[in-house]
Protein backbone atom coordinates (compact mmCIF):
# COMPACT_ATOMS: atom_id res chain seq x y z
CA UNK A 1 -0.18 0.18 0.23
CA UNK A 2 1.29 3.51 -0.77
CA UNK A 3 2.14 5.33 2.58
CA UNK A 4 0.45 8.36 1.99
CA UNK A 5 -2.54 7.51 -0.62
CA UNK A 6 -5.50 5.50 -0.30
CA UNK A 7 -5.76 2.28 -2.38
CA UNK A 8 -7.14 2.17 -6.31
CA UNK A 9 -8.88 -1.04 -6.75
CA UNK A 10 -9.53 -2.65 -10.20
CA UNK A 11 -12.67 -4.42 -10.54
CA UNK A 12 -12.96 -7.25 -13.64
CA UNK A 13 -16.52 -8.38 -13.42
CA UNK A 14 -17.10 -11.72 -15.33
CA UNK A 15 -20.34 -11.63 -17.12
CA UNK A 16 -22.19 -10.34 -13.79
CA UNK A 17 -23.20 -6.73 -12.86
CA UNK A 18 -20.90 -5.24 -9.97
CA UNK A 19 -23.24 -5.03 -7.20
CA UNK A 20 -21.47 -2.47 -4.90
CA UNK A 21 -21.65 0.77 -6.61
CA UNK A 22 -21.56 2.69 -3.29
CA UNK A 23 -18.35 1.16 -2.30
CA UNK A 24 -16.12 2.72 -1.16
CA UNK A 25 -17.87 5.57 0.71
CA UNK A 26 -16.31 9.00 0.04
CA UNK A 27 -14.81 8.63 3.83
CA UNK A 28 -13.26 5.43 3.45
CA UNK A 29 -10.12 5.53 5.06
CA UNK A 30 -8.32 2.73 3.01
CA UNK A 31 -9.59 2.88 -0.56
CA UNK A 32 -9.91 5.72 -2.63
CA UNK A 33 -11.94 4.54 -5.95
CA UNK A 34 -12.65 1.83 -7.89
CA UNK A 35 -11.79 1.58 -11.74
CA UNK A 36 -13.81 -0.93 -13.73
CA UNK A 37 -11.66 -3.02 -16.46
CA UNK A 38 -14.41 -4.48 -18.92
CA UNK A 39 -13.81 -8.12 -20.30
CA UNK A 40 -11.60 -9.76 -21.54
CA UNK A 41 -9.81 -7.58 -18.95
CA UNK A 42 -6.39 -7.38 -20.74
CA UNK A 43 -6.24 -3.85 -19.42
CA UNK A 44 -5.35 -5.17 -16.05
CA UNK A 45 -1.91 -5.97 -17.07
CA UNK A 46 -1.25 -2.36 -17.64
CA UNK A 47 -3.43 -1.01 -14.66
CA UNK A 48 -2.03 1.22 -12.04
CA UNK A 49 -4.53 -0.11 -9.34
CA UNK A 50 -3.05 -1.48 -6.16
CA UNK A 51 -5.51 -4.43 -6.04
CA UNK A 52 -7.63 -6.30 -8.68
CA UNK A 53 -10.89 -7.91 -7.63
CA UNK A 54 -12.56 -10.52 -9.66
CA UNK A 55 -16.14 -10.38 -9.17
CA UNK A 56 -17.62 -13.94 -10.83
CA UNK A 57 -20.48 -16.48 -10.73
CA UNK A 58 -17.93 -19.37 -10.89
CA UNK A 59 -14.28 -18.98 -9.92
CA UNK A 60 -13.16 -22.39 -11.53
CA UNK A 61 -14.04 -20.67 -14.80
CA UNK A 62 -13.01 -17.11 -14.59
CA UNK A 63 -10.03 -17.23 -12.15
CA UNK A 64 -7.50 -18.95 -14.42
CA UNK A 65 -7.76 -16.33 -16.90
CA UNK A 66 -7.50 -13.70 -14.44
CA UNK A 67 -4.05 -15.32 -13.36
CA UNK A 68 -3.08 -15.65 -16.94
CA UNK A 69 -3.68 -11.74 -17.52
CA UNK A 70 -1.61 -10.80 -14.08
CA UNK A 71 1.11 -13.20 -15.02
CA UNK A 72 3.50 -10.43 -16.00
CA UNK A 73 2.30 -7.86 -13.48
CA UNK A 74 2.72 -8.49 -9.52
CA UNK A 75 -0.65 -7.31 -8.17
CA UNK A 76 -2.75 -8.86 -5.39
CA UNK A 77 -6.07 -10.21 -6.22
CA UNK A 78 -9.40 -10.65 -4.22
CA UNK A 79 -12.50 -13.06 -5.66
CA UNK A 80 -15.86 -12.07 -5.01
CA UNK A 81 -18.24 -14.64 -5.67
CA UNK A 82 -21.72 -16.35 -4.53
CA UNK A 83 -19.87 -19.67 -4.49
CA UNK A 84 -18.73 -20.81 -1.18
CA UNK A 85 -18.17 -24.46 -2.06
CA UNK A 86 -15.09 -25.85 -0.62
CA UNK A 87 -13.46 -26.49 -4.02
CA UNK A 88 -13.87 -23.16 -5.17
CA UNK A 89 -12.24 -21.45 -2.24
CA UNK A 90 -9.41 -23.89 -1.85
CA UNK A 91 -8.51 -23.16 -5.34
CA UNK A 92 -8.40 -19.54 -4.97
CA UNK A 93 -6.73 -19.71 -1.65
CA UNK A 94 -3.92 -21.88 -3.12
CA UNK A 95 -3.34 -19.14 -5.59
CA UNK A 96 -2.82 -16.73 -2.92
CA UNK A 97 -5.97 -14.58 -3.69
CA UNK A 98 -8.42 -13.38 -0.81
CA UNK A 99 -12.08 -14.81 -1.32
CA UNK A 100 -15.08 -12.92 -0.14
CA UNK A 101 -18.33 -14.59 -0.45
CA UNK A 102 -21.06 -12.37 -1.97
CA UNK A 103 -23.47 -11.31 0.93
CA UNK A 104 -21.13 -12.55 3.55
CA UNK A 105 -19.39 -9.31 3.93
CA UNK A 106 -19.78 -5.90 4.80
CA UNK A 107 -18.23 -2.67 3.25
CA UNK A 108 -15.70 -2.22 5.93
CA UNK A 109 -14.75 -6.05 5.52
CA UNK A 110 -14.47 -5.34 1.70
CA UNK A 111 -12.13 -2.27 2.20
CA UNK A 112 -10.15 -4.79 5.02
CA UNK A 113 -9.57 -7.53 2.35
CA UNK A 114 -8.18 -4.81 -0.03
CA UNK A 115 -5.37 -3.50 2.48
CA UNK A 116 -4.92 -7.12 3.50
CA UNK A 117 -3.93 -8.11 0.10
CA UNK A 118 -1.53 -5.45 -0.61
CA UNK A 119 0.43 -6.41 2.59
CA UNK A 120 0.35 -10.20 1.41
CA UNK A 121 -2.49 -11.45 3.62
CA UNK A 122 -4.85 -13.74 1.90
CA UNK A 123 -8.14 -12.51 3.39
CA UNK A 124 -11.44 -14.72 3.73
CA UNK A 125 -14.83 -13.85 4.68
CA UNK A 126 -16.37 -15.89 7.46
CA UNK A 127 -18.36 -18.49 4.95
CA UNK A 128 -14.98 -18.74 2.81
CA UNK A 129 -13.01 -19.54 5.84
CA UNK A 130 -15.25 -22.19 7.01
CA UNK A 131 -15.17 -23.88 3.33
CA UNK A 132 -11.46 -23.60 3.55
CA UNK A 133 -11.37 -25.49 6.93
CA UNK A 134 -14.01 -28.18 5.76
CA UNK A 135 -11.54 -28.69 2.49
CA UNK A 136 -8.56 -29.28 4.97
CA UNK A 137 -10.55 -31.40 7.08
CA UNK A 138 -11.13 -33.79 4.38
CA UNK A 139 -7.53 -33.76 3.00
CA UNK A 140 -6.34 -33.57 6.58
CA UNK A 141 -2.68 -35.18 7.50
CA UNK A 142 -2.86 -38.06 10.13
CA UNK A 143 -3.37 -37.25 13.85
CA UNK A 144 0.50 -38.15 14.45
CA UNK A 145 1.72 -35.75 11.68
CA UNK A 146 -0.46 -32.79 12.95
CA UNK A 147 0.51 -33.47 16.55
CA UNK A 148 4.21 -33.35 15.34
CA UNK A 149 3.66 -29.84 13.69
CA UNK A 150 2.07 -28.40 16.47
CA UNK A 151 4.73 -29.41 18.66
CA UNK A 152 7.20 -27.42 16.41
CA UNK A 153 5.41 -24.20 17.53
CA UNK A 154 5.36 -22.66 20.92
CA UNK A 155 2.16 -21.92 22.64
CA UNK A 156 1.91 -18.29 21.57
CA UNK A 157 2.66 -19.22 17.86
CA UNK A 158 -0.17 -21.61 17.91
CA UNK A 159 -2.46 -19.02 19.14
CA UNK A 160 -1.17 -16.82 16.24
CA UNK A 161 -1.71 -19.73 13.74
CA UNK A 162 -5.27 -20.54 15.01
CA UNK A 163 -6.35 -16.64 14.43
CA UNK A 164 -4.44 -16.45 11.33
CA UNK A 165 -6.17 -19.58 10.00
CA UNK A 166 -9.66 -17.56 10.53
CA UNK A 167 -8.83 -15.17 8.08
CA UNK A 168 -7.47 -12.49 10.55
CA UNK A 169 -4.28 -10.33 9.65
CA UNK A 170 -1.35 -9.35 11.91
CA UNK A 171 -3.01 -6.20 13.25
CA UNK A 172 -6.40 -7.95 14.23
CA UNK A 173 -4.25 -10.76 15.68
CA UNK A 174 -2.28 -8.41 17.62
CA UNK A 175 -5.37 -6.63 18.91
CA UNK A 176 -6.93 -9.98 20.02
CA UNK A 177 -3.84 -10.97 21.66
CA UNK A 178 -2.65 -7.90 23.24
CA UNK A 179 0.44 -7.91 21.16
CA UNK A 180 2.10 -5.13 18.93
CA UNK A 181 1.77 -5.78 15.20
CA UNK A 182 5.36 -5.92 14.94
CA UNK A 183 5.48 -8.69 17.70
CA UNK A 184 2.97 -10.80 15.74
CA UNK A 185 4.87 -10.33 12.25
CA UNK A 186 8.10 -11.59 14.08
CA UNK A 187 6.10 -14.37 15.25
CA UNK A 188 4.94 -15.32 11.76
CA UNK A 189 8.32 -14.91 10.49
CA UNK A 190 9.40 -17.78 12.97
CA UNK A 191 6.54 -19.74 12.36
CA UNK A 192 7.23 -19.66 8.38
CA UNK A 193 10.67 -20.97 9.26
CA UNK A 194 9.59 -23.89 11.37
CA UNK A 195 6.85 -25.03 9.09
CA UNK A 196 8.82 -24.34 5.81
CA UNK A 197 6.00 -22.16 4.60
CA UNK A 198 6.93 -19.47 1.80
CA UNK A 199 3.78 -17.40 2.76
CA UNK A 200 1.13 -16.95 5.30
CA UNK A 201 -1.14 -18.90 2.68
CA UNK A 202 1.16 -21.71 2.78
CA UNK A 203 1.44 -21.64 6.36
CA UNK A 204 -2.31 -22.00 7.24
CA UNK A 205 -2.76 -24.85 4.69
CA UNK A 206 0.16 -26.85 6.54
CA UNK A 207 -1.43 -25.95 9.88
CA UNK A 208 -4.98 -27.00 8.81
CA UNK A 209 -3.39 -30.13 7.32
CA UNK A 210 -4.14 -29.58 3.96
CA UNK A 211 -0.40 -29.18 2.73
CA UNK A 212 2.58 -31.87 4.24
CA UNK A 213 5.33 -30.20 6.03
CA UNK A 214 8.24 -30.66 4.35
CA UNK A 215 10.69 -30.72 7.48
CA UNK A 216 11.01 -33.87 9.41
């Protein structure tokens, strides 16, 4: 996120009408404006936006195309969709994009998701978070493996991972645990090293048992 400016968000709507014309409100502290990029969204590759939002009916159909367009530019993405099934959420999450289920978020949550994306955090609305946990439950590693994974982390680090896996960012985790954001980020760096995770997304998948821990 630019230090002195609010965010610019590019919206790519795949065959559906963007229903949030009144977002962001004029007094939104984080998001300045939205710019719409019409299909087939090739203009996204040149956009000066800080975050790209894909609004679509079915991410399985539309999301791969967005990734292809953004392949040459490092810009974070958030998916907004009515789909809340496990397969859809897990695939988007694995690619490192945030996921908001339509009707499952407020304007403030939408803005928070944009800010989170710019700092490398994968933001999930409550229903998307539930879908991710359900997917992890189906794919989960053995109890012995999960016990070994948890033993790698201190009690505080375990608390932080539980909150991270519910979709909270470092600032929100700090508020919950009464820690500074810097302390939370330092803990997260240690957690990533212990779990051989490359990112928060990777760490959550390992913590939930959906991706194996590499270190033995």
